[in-house]
Amino acid sequence: MAEVKPDIEILEFAISREIQAREFFLELARRVTRPGFRKVFEELAEEEAEHKEKLELEVMKLGKTVSEDTEYTGANKEFIISDTQMLDNMDYKDILLLGMEKEEASFRTYVNLLSSVREQSSRELLLALAEEEVRHKLRFQTEYDFITRKNRSTDESDD
C-alpha cells in the first residue's frame, strides 16, 4: 500500500515547485528579446512567488514554522534550465510552447495532489493554484496563437 504523506509534506513539495517555476520564468525573462514578453515572464515569476507565499501561509496554519531560511526539497528539477544554450537555440514560438508545457505540468501536479490532502483549506488552495496555472498556460497559448495566425496571414499574402 502506498504511503500517505502528511499535508505539510505535500505543501512543501508544492512550494519547491513554485520556487523552481519562478526561477524558470526569470531565466526566460533574461533570455527573450521582446520587452513586452519579458515583462510577462517577470509577472509570471512574481505570481509564482505569490503562490509560494500562499503555500507557506497554509503550512504555518497547519502548525509548522516557516522562515526565510527554510529549504524545500522534493520536486524534481524539471523547471531548472541547466543547459542555457538550449534557450539560445529556441525561437520565440518554441519558448511559448515550453511555457505551455511547464504550466500544464504544474496544473496536473496540483490536481494530482488534491486527492492526497486532507485539510479542506489546503485542498481549496491547491485547486485555486491549479486554476492559476491554467490561466498562465492560456497566456502562452493566446500569444502563440496570435503569432501563428500573424505568420500564416503573412505567408498567405506572399502567395
N, C-alpha and C. Protein backbone atom coordinates (compact mmCIF):
# COMPACT_ATOMS: atom_id res chain seq x y z
N MET A 1 0.84 -1.17 0.00
CA MET A 1 0.00 0.00 0.00
C MET A 1 0.90 1.25 0.00
N ALA A 2 0.52 2.27 -0.77
CA ALA A 2 1.30 3.50 -0.88
C ALA A 2 1.24 4.29 0.42
N GLU A 3 2.36 4.91 0.74
CA GLU A 3 2.43 5.73 1.94
C GLU A 3 1.70 7.05 1.71
N VAL A 4 0.85 7.42 2.67
CA VAL A 4 0.13 8.69 2.59
C VAL A 4 0.97 9.74 3.29
N LYS A 5 1.30 10.79 2.57
CA LYS A 5 2.14 11.84 3.13
C LYS A 5 1.27 12.86 3.86
N PRO A 6 1.81 13.39 4.95
CA PRO A 6 1.07 14.45 5.65
C PRO A 6 0.91 15.68 4.75
N ASP A 7 -0.12 16.45 5.02
CA ASP A 7 -0.39 17.65 4.22
C ASP A 7 0.81 18.58 4.14
N ILE A 8 1.53 18.73 5.23
CA ILE A 8 2.68 19.64 5.24
C ILE A 8 3.72 19.22 4.21
N GLU A 9 4.00 17.93 4.11
CA GLU A 9 4.97 17.45 3.12
C GLU A 9 4.49 17.72 1.70
N ILE A 10 3.22 17.54 1.48
CA ILE A 10 2.66 17.80 0.15
C ILE A 10 2.76 19.28 -0.18
N LEU A 11 2.43 20.13 0.79
CA LEU A 11 2.52 21.57 0.57
C LEU A 11 3.96 22.01 0.37
N GLU A 12 4.89 21.42 1.09
CA GLU A 12 6.30 21.76 0.91
C GLU A 12 6.79 21.33 -0.47
N PHE A 13 6.31 20.21 -0.94
CA PHE A 13 6.62 19.79 -2.31
C PHE A 13 6.11 20.83 -3.30
N ALA A 14 4.90 21.30 -3.10
CA ALA A 14 4.32 22.32 -3.98
C ALA A 14 5.13 23.61 -3.91
N ILE A 15 5.60 23.96 -2.73
CA ILE A 15 6.43 25.16 -2.58
C ILE A 15 7.71 25.01 -3.40
N SER A 16 8.33 23.85 -3.34
CA SER A 16 9.57 23.65 -4.11
C SER A 16 9.30 23.79 -5.60
N ARG A 17 8.13 23.34 -6.05
CA ARG A 17 7.76 23.51 -7.47
C ARG A 17 7.60 24.99 -7.81
N GLU A 18 7.02 25.75 -6.91
CA GLU A 18 6.82 27.18 -7.17
C GLU A 18 8.16 27.92 -7.23
N ILE A 19 9.08 27.54 -6.38
CA ILE A 19 10.42 28.14 -6.40
C ILE A 19 11.07 27.87 -7.75
N GLN A 20 10.98 26.63 -8.20
CA GLN A 20 11.58 26.26 -9.48
C GLN A 20 10.88 26.96 -10.64
N ALA A 21 9.57 27.09 -10.57
CA ALA A 21 8.82 27.77 -11.63
C ALA A 21 9.22 29.23 -11.70
N ARG A 22 9.41 29.86 -10.55
CA ARG A 22 9.84 31.26 -10.53
C ARG A 22 11.20 31.40 -11.21
N GLU A 23 12.13 30.53 -10.87
CA GLU A 23 13.46 30.57 -11.48
C GLU A 23 13.38 30.35 -13.00
N PHE A 24 12.50 29.44 -13.40
CA PHE A 24 12.29 29.17 -14.82
C PHE A 24 11.85 30.43 -15.55
N PHE A 25 10.85 31.14 -15.01
CA PHE A 25 10.35 32.34 -15.66
C PHE A 25 11.36 33.48 -15.64
N LEU A 26 12.12 33.58 -14.56
CA LEU A 26 13.16 34.61 -14.53
C LEU A 26 14.23 34.34 -15.58
N GLU A 27 14.57 33.07 -15.77
CA GLU A 27 15.54 32.72 -16.81
C GLU A 27 14.99 33.05 -18.19
N LEU A 28 13.72 32.74 -18.42
CA LEU A 28 13.12 33.10 -19.70
C LEU A 28 13.10 34.61 -19.89
N ALA A 29 12.81 35.35 -18.84
CA ALA A 29 12.78 36.82 -18.94
C ALA A 29 14.15 37.36 -19.32
N ARG A 30 15.19 36.74 -18.81
CA ARG A 30 16.54 37.18 -19.14
C ARG A 30 16.89 36.87 -20.59
N ARG A 31 16.21 35.91 -21.18
CA ARG A 31 16.61 35.43 -22.49
C ARG A 31 15.79 35.98 -23.66
N VAL A 32 14.56 36.39 -23.40
CA VAL A 32 13.74 36.87 -24.52
C VAL A 32 14.14 38.28 -24.90
N THR A 33 13.98 38.59 -26.17
CA THR A 33 14.37 39.92 -26.65
C THR A 33 13.19 40.87 -26.71
N ARG A 34 11.99 40.35 -26.73
CA ARG A 34 10.80 41.22 -26.79
C ARG A 34 10.51 41.79 -25.41
N PRO A 35 10.60 43.11 -25.27
CA PRO A 35 10.37 43.71 -23.95
C PRO A 35 8.99 43.40 -23.38
N GLY A 36 7.98 43.36 -24.25
CA GLY A 36 6.63 43.07 -23.77
C GLY A 36 6.52 41.69 -23.17
N PHE A 37 7.14 40.72 -23.81
CA PHE A 37 7.02 39.38 -23.24
C PHE A 37 8.00 39.16 -22.10
N ARG A 38 9.09 39.90 -22.09
CA ARG A 38 9.98 39.85 -20.93
C ARG A 38 9.19 40.26 -19.69
N LYS A 39 8.38 41.29 -19.85
CA LYS A 39 7.54 41.76 -18.74
C LYS A 39 6.55 40.67 -18.31
N VAL A 40 5.99 39.97 -19.29
CA VAL A 40 5.05 38.88 -18.96
C VAL A 40 5.76 37.80 -18.15
N PHE A 41 6.97 37.41 -18.57
CA PHE A 41 7.72 36.39 -17.82
C PHE A 41 8.04 36.88 -16.41
N GLU A 42 8.39 38.15 -16.28
CA GLU A 42 8.67 38.70 -14.96
C GLU A 42 7.41 38.71 -14.09
N GLU A 43 6.27 39.03 -14.69
CA GLU A 43 5.00 38.99 -13.96
C GLU A 43 4.67 37.57 -13.52
N LEU A 44 4.90 36.60 -14.42
CA LEU A 44 4.63 35.21 -14.06
C LEU A 44 5.56 34.75 -12.94
N ALA A 45 6.82 35.19 -12.97
CA ALA A 45 7.75 34.85 -11.89
C ALA A 45 7.23 35.41 -10.56
N GLU A 46 6.71 36.63 -10.60
CA GLU A 46 6.16 37.25 -9.39
C GLU A 46 4.94 36.47 -8.90
N GLU A 47 4.10 36.04 -9.82
CA GLU A 47 2.93 35.25 -9.43
C GLU A 47 3.34 33.93 -8.79
N GLU A 48 4.41 33.31 -9.31
CA GLU A 48 4.89 32.06 -8.71
C GLU A 48 5.40 32.33 -7.29
N ALA A 49 6.04 33.48 -7.08
CA ALA A 49 6.49 33.86 -5.73
C ALA A 49 5.28 34.04 -4.81
N GLU A 50 4.20 34.62 -5.34
CA GLU A 50 2.97 34.77 -4.55
C GLU A 50 2.36 33.41 -4.22
N HIS A 51 2.42 32.48 -5.16
CA HIS A 51 1.93 31.12 -4.90
C HIS A 51 2.72 30.51 -3.73
N LYS A 52 4.03 30.68 -3.77
CA LYS A 52 4.89 30.17 -2.70
C LYS A 52 4.46 30.74 -1.35
N GLU A 53 4.21 32.04 -1.32
CA GLU A 53 3.79 32.68 -0.07
C GLU A 53 2.46 32.13 0.43
N LYS A 54 1.52 31.90 -0.47
CA LYS A 54 0.22 31.33 -0.08
C LYS A 54 0.40 29.93 0.48
N LEU A 55 1.26 29.14 -0.16
CA LEU A 55 1.50 27.78 0.32
C LEU A 55 2.20 27.81 1.68
N GLU A 56 3.15 28.73 1.86
CA GLU A 56 3.82 28.84 3.15
C GLU A 56 2.84 29.24 4.25
N LEU A 57 1.93 30.12 3.94
CA LEU A 57 0.90 30.51 4.92
C LEU A 57 0.07 29.29 5.31
N GLU A 58 -0.27 28.47 4.34
CA GLU A 58 -1.04 27.25 4.64
C GLU A 58 -0.23 26.29 5.51
N VAL A 59 1.07 26.18 5.25
CA VAL A 59 1.93 25.34 6.09
C VAL A 59 1.94 25.87 7.52
N MET A 60 2.01 27.19 7.66
CA MET A 60 2.00 27.78 9.01
C MET A 60 0.67 27.52 9.71
N LYS A 61 -0.43 27.57 8.96
CA LYS A 61 -1.75 27.28 9.55
C LYS A 61 -1.79 25.86 10.11
N LEU A 62 -1.03 24.97 9.48
CA LEU A 62 -1.00 23.57 9.92
C LEU A 62 -0.01 23.35 11.06
N GLY A 63 0.66 24.43 11.49
CA GLY A 63 1.47 24.33 12.70
C GLY A 63 2.97 24.28 12.51
N LYS A 64 3.47 24.44 11.31
CA LYS A 64 4.92 24.40 11.11
C LYS A 64 5.45 25.81 10.91
N THR A 65 6.57 26.08 11.55
CA THR A 65 7.21 27.38 11.41
C THR A 65 7.93 27.46 10.07
N VAL A 66 7.76 28.59 9.40
CA VAL A 66 8.41 28.83 8.12
C VAL A 66 9.19 30.12 8.25
N SER A 67 10.43 30.10 7.77
CA SER A 67 11.24 31.32 7.80
C SER A 67 11.92 31.50 6.45
N GLU A 68 12.62 32.62 6.31
CA GLU A 68 13.37 32.89 5.07
C GLU A 68 14.39 31.80 4.79
N ASP A 69 14.90 31.16 5.84
CA ASP A 69 15.95 30.15 5.70
C ASP A 69 15.41 28.76 5.39
N THR A 70 14.10 28.60 5.41
CA THR A 70 13.53 27.28 5.19
C THR A 70 13.88 26.80 3.78
N GLU A 71 14.41 25.59 3.70
CA GLU A 71 14.73 24.99 2.40
C GLU A 71 13.68 23.94 2.08
N TYR A 72 13.30 23.90 0.83
CA TYR A 72 12.29 22.95 0.38
C TYR A 72 12.92 22.01 -0.63
N THR A 73 12.64 20.73 -0.44
CA THR A 73 13.15 19.73 -1.38
C THR A 73 11.98 18.86 -1.80
N GLY A 74 12.22 18.02 -2.73
CA GLY A 74 11.19 17.06 -3.10
C GLY A 74 10.79 17.12 -4.55
N ALA A 75 10.73 18.29 -5.13
CA ALA A 75 10.36 18.38 -6.54
C ALA A 75 11.58 18.07 -7.39
N ASN A 76 11.33 17.45 -8.53
CA ASN A 76 12.45 17.21 -9.43
C ASN A 76 12.86 18.53 -10.06
N LYS A 77 13.86 18.51 -10.85
CA LYS A 77 14.43 19.74 -11.40
C LYS A 77 13.89 20.07 -12.79
N GLU A 78 12.67 19.69 -13.10
CA GLU A 78 12.17 19.89 -14.46
C GLU A 78 12.03 21.36 -14.84
N PHE A 79 11.92 22.25 -13.87
CA PHE A 79 11.80 23.66 -14.19
C PHE A 79 13.16 24.32 -14.35
N ILE A 80 14.19 23.68 -13.85
CA ILE A 80 15.50 24.29 -13.91
C ILE A 80 16.08 24.08 -15.30
N ILE A 81 16.57 25.15 -15.85
CA ILE A 81 17.16 25.07 -17.18
C ILE A 81 18.66 24.99 -16.98
N SER A 82 19.19 23.77 -17.03
CA SER A 82 20.62 23.60 -16.79
C SER A 82 21.42 23.90 -18.05
N ASP A 83 20.84 23.63 -19.20
CA ASP A 83 21.53 23.89 -20.45
C ASP A 83 20.98 25.20 -21.02
N THR A 84 21.59 26.30 -20.60
CA THR A 84 21.08 27.58 -21.04
C THR A 84 21.28 27.80 -22.53
N GLN A 85 22.18 27.05 -23.14
CA GLN A 85 22.34 27.15 -24.59
C GLN A 85 21.10 26.64 -25.30
N MET A 86 20.36 25.74 -24.66
CA MET A 86 19.12 25.24 -25.25
C MET A 86 18.21 26.42 -25.57
N LEU A 87 18.09 27.37 -24.65
CA LEU A 87 17.24 28.53 -24.87
C LEU A 87 17.79 29.43 -25.97
N ASP A 88 19.10 29.49 -26.08
CA ASP A 88 19.71 30.31 -27.13
C ASP A 88 19.29 29.83 -28.51
N ASN A 89 19.04 28.55 -28.63
CA ASN A 89 18.67 27.96 -29.92
C ASN A 89 17.17 27.92 -30.15
N MET A 90 16.39 28.39 -29.19
CA MET A 90 14.93 28.36 -29.32
C MET A 90 14.44 29.69 -29.87
N ASP A 91 13.47 29.60 -30.78
CA ASP A 91 12.83 30.84 -31.22
C ASP A 91 11.68 31.16 -30.26
N TYR A 92 11.06 32.28 -30.51
CA TYR A 92 10.01 32.77 -29.62
C TYR A 92 8.87 31.76 -29.49
N LYS A 93 8.46 31.17 -30.60
CA LYS A 93 7.36 30.19 -30.56
C LYS A 93 7.75 28.98 -29.72
N ASP A 94 9.01 28.54 -29.83
CA ASP A 94 9.46 27.40 -29.02
C ASP A 94 9.42 27.73 -27.53
N ILE A 95 9.79 28.95 -27.19
CA ILE A 95 9.75 29.37 -25.78
C ILE A 95 8.31 29.37 -25.28
N LEU A 96 7.39 29.85 -26.12
CA LEU A 96 5.97 29.84 -25.74
C LEU A 96 5.47 28.41 -25.54
N LEU A 97 5.87 27.51 -26.43
CA LEU A 97 5.47 26.10 -26.30
C LEU A 97 6.04 25.50 -25.01
N LEU A 98 7.28 25.82 -24.70
CA LEU A 98 7.90 25.34 -23.47
C LEU A 98 7.14 25.85 -22.25
N GLY A 99 6.78 27.14 -22.28
CA GLY A 99 6.00 27.71 -21.19
C GLY A 99 4.66 27.00 -21.02
N MET A 100 4.00 26.71 -22.14
CA MET A 100 2.72 25.98 -22.06
C MET A 100 2.90 24.62 -21.43
N GLU A 101 3.97 23.91 -21.81
CA GLU A 101 4.23 22.58 -21.24
C GLU A 101 4.45 22.66 -19.74
N LYS A 102 5.22 23.64 -19.30
CA LYS A 102 5.52 23.77 -17.88
C LYS A 102 4.27 24.10 -17.08
N GLU A 103 3.43 24.98 -17.61
CA GLU A 103 2.21 25.34 -16.89
C GLU A 103 1.22 24.18 -16.86
N GLU A 104 1.17 23.41 -17.94
CA GLU A 104 0.32 22.21 -17.96
C GLU A 104 0.80 21.22 -16.90
N ALA A 105 2.11 21.06 -16.80
CA ALA A 105 2.68 20.15 -15.78
C ALA A 105 2.33 20.63 -14.38
N SER A 106 2.41 21.93 -14.15
CA SER A 106 2.06 22.47 -12.83
C SER A 106 0.59 22.24 -12.52
N PHE A 107 -0.26 22.49 -13.50
CA PHE A 107 -1.70 22.26 -13.33
C PHE A 107 -1.95 20.81 -12.94
N ARG A 108 -1.38 19.88 -13.69
CA ARG A 108 -1.59 18.45 -13.41
C ARG A 108 -1.05 18.06 -12.04
N THR A 109 0.06 18.64 -11.66
CA THR A 109 0.63 18.34 -10.34
C THR A 109 -0.35 18.72 -9.24
N TYR A 110 -0.89 19.94 -9.32
CA TYR A 110 -1.83 20.38 -8.30
C TYR A 110 -3.08 19.53 -8.28
N VAL A 111 -3.60 19.19 -9.44
CA VAL A 111 -4.79 18.35 -9.50
C VAL A 111 -4.50 16.98 -8.89
N ASN A 112 -3.33 16.42 -9.19
CA ASN A 112 -2.97 15.11 -8.65
C ASN A 112 -2.75 15.15 -7.13
N LEU A 113 -2.26 16.27 -6.62
CA LEU A 113 -2.03 16.39 -5.18
C LEU A 113 -3.33 16.54 -4.39
N LEU A 114 -4.37 17.03 -5.04
CA LEU A 114 -5.65 17.27 -4.35
C LEU A 114 -6.15 16.06 -3.59
N SER A 115 -6.06 14.90 -4.20
CA SER A 115 -6.62 13.70 -3.57
C SER A 115 -5.83 13.25 -2.35
N SER A 116 -4.59 13.73 -2.20
CA SER A 116 -3.75 13.32 -1.08
C SER A 116 -3.85 14.24 0.13
N VAL A 117 -4.45 15.39 -0.05
CA VAL A 117 -4.52 16.39 1.03
C VAL A 117 -5.81 16.22 1.81
N ARG A 118 -5.68 16.24 3.14
CA ARG A 118 -6.85 16.03 3.99
C ARG A 118 -7.53 17.31 4.42
N GLU A 119 -6.77 18.37 4.66
CA GLU A 119 -7.33 19.65 5.12
C GLU A 119 -8.09 20.33 4.00
N GLN A 120 -9.32 20.75 4.28
CA GLN A 120 -10.15 21.41 3.27
C GLN A 120 -9.51 22.69 2.76
N SER A 121 -8.94 23.49 3.67
CA SER A 121 -8.33 24.75 3.24
C SER A 121 -7.12 24.49 2.33
N SER A 122 -6.39 23.42 2.58
CA SER A 122 -5.26 23.07 1.73
C SER A 122 -5.75 22.62 0.35
N ARG A 123 -6.83 21.85 0.33
CA ARG A 123 -7.41 21.42 -0.95
C ARG A 123 -7.88 22.63 -1.76
N GLU A 124 -8.54 23.55 -1.08
CA GLU A 124 -9.04 24.76 -1.77
C GLU A 124 -7.88 25.57 -2.34
N LEU A 125 -6.79 25.68 -1.59
CA LEU A 125 -5.62 26.41 -2.07
C LEU A 125 -5.02 25.73 -3.29
N LEU A 126 -4.85 24.42 -3.24
CA LEU A 126 -4.28 23.69 -4.37
C LEU A 126 -5.16 23.82 -5.61
N LEU A 127 -6.47 23.79 -5.41
CA LEU A 127 -7.39 23.96 -6.53
C LEU A 127 -7.26 25.37 -7.11
N ALA A 128 -7.17 26.37 -6.26
CA ALA A 128 -7.01 27.75 -6.74
C ALA A 128 -5.70 27.91 -7.50
N LEU A 129 -4.64 27.28 -7.02
CA LEU A 129 -3.36 27.36 -7.71
C LEU A 129 -3.41 26.63 -9.05
N ALA A 130 -4.11 25.51 -9.10
CA ALA A 130 -4.28 24.80 -10.37
C ALA A 130 -4.98 25.70 -11.39
N GLU A 131 -6.00 26.40 -10.93
CA GLU A 131 -6.71 27.32 -11.82
C GLU A 131 -5.80 28.44 -12.31
N GLU A 132 -4.93 28.95 -11.44
CA GLU A 132 -4.00 30.00 -11.85
C GLU A 132 -3.01 29.47 -12.88
N GLU A 133 -2.56 28.23 -12.71
CA GLU A 133 -1.62 27.65 -13.68
C GLU A 133 -2.29 27.52 -15.05
N VAL A 134 -3.56 27.20 -15.07
CA VAL A 134 -4.29 27.13 -16.34
C VAL A 134 -4.34 28.52 -16.99
N ARG A 135 -4.56 29.54 -16.18
CA ARG A 135 -4.56 30.91 -16.73
C ARG A 135 -3.19 31.28 -17.30
N HIS A 136 -2.13 30.85 -16.62
CA HIS A 136 -0.78 31.10 -17.14
C HIS A 136 -0.61 30.42 -18.49
N LYS A 137 -1.05 29.18 -18.56
CA LYS A 137 -0.92 28.44 -19.82
C LYS A 137 -1.70 29.16 -20.93
N LEU A 138 -2.86 29.67 -20.60
CA LEU A 138 -3.67 30.38 -21.59
C LEU A 138 -2.99 31.65 -22.09
N ARG A 139 -2.23 32.30 -21.23
CA ARG A 139 -1.46 33.48 -21.67
C ARG A 139 -0.47 33.08 -22.76
N PHE A 140 0.23 31.98 -22.53
CA PHE A 140 1.17 31.48 -23.54
C PHE A 140 0.43 31.05 -24.80
N GLN A 141 -0.67 30.34 -24.62
CA GLN A 141 -1.44 29.84 -25.76
C GLN A 141 -1.97 30.99 -26.61
N THR A 142 -2.47 32.02 -25.96
CA THR A 142 -3.01 33.18 -26.69
C THR A 142 -1.92 33.85 -27.51
N GLU A 143 -0.76 34.06 -26.91
CA GLU A 143 0.35 34.68 -27.63
C GLU A 143 0.80 33.78 -28.79
N TYR A 144 0.89 32.48 -28.52
CA TYR A 144 1.30 31.53 -29.56
C TYR A 144 0.32 31.55 -30.73
N ASP A 145 -0.97 31.52 -30.41
CA ASP A 145 -1.99 31.56 -31.47
C ASP A 145 -1.92 32.86 -32.27
N PHE A 146 -1.69 33.97 -31.58
CA PHE A 146 -1.57 35.26 -32.25
C PHE A 146 -0.41 35.25 -33.24
N ILE A 147 0.73 34.78 -32.77
CA ILE A 147 1.93 34.76 -33.62
C ILE A 147 1.74 33.80 -34.79
N THR A 148 1.15 32.66 -34.53
CA THR A 148 0.93 31.67 -35.58
C THR A 148 -0.02 32.23 -36.64
N ARG A 149 -1.11 32.86 -36.20
CA ARG A 149 -2.06 33.47 -37.15
C ARG A 149 -1.40 34.58 -37.95
N LYS A 150 -0.61 35.39 -37.25
CA LYS A 150 0.07 36.50 -37.91
C LYS A 150 1.03 35.97 -38.98
N ASN A 151 1.77 34.92 -38.64
CA ASN A 151 2.70 34.32 -39.60
C ASN A 151 1.96 33.70 -40.78
N ARG A 152 0.82 33.06 -40.49
CA ARG A 152 0.02 32.46 -41.57
C ARG A 152 -0.50 33.52 -42.53
N SER A 153 -1.02 34.61 -41.96
CA SER A 153 -1.57 35.66 -42.83
C SER A 153 -0.47 36.34 -43.63
N THR A 154 0.74 36.44 -43.07
CA THR A 154 1.87 36.99 -43.81
C THR A 154 2.26 36.05 -44.93
N ASP A 155 2.29 34.74 -44.64
CA ASP A 155 2.63 33.75 -45.67
C ASP A 155 1.60 33.75 -46.80
N GLU A 156 0.31 33.87 -46.44
CA GLU A 156 -0.74 33.86 -47.43
C GLU A 156 -0.69 35.09 -48.33
N SER A 157 -0.29 36.23 -47.75
CA SER A 157 -0.23 37.45 -48.56
C SER A 157 0.97 37.42 -49.51
N ASP A 158 1.95 36.55 -49.22
CA ASP A 158 3.10 36.40 -50.10
C ASP A 158 2.78 35.58 -51.34
N ASP A 159 1.67 34.82 -51.27
CA ASP A 159 1.30 33.94 -52.40
C ASP A 159 0.85 34.70 -53.62
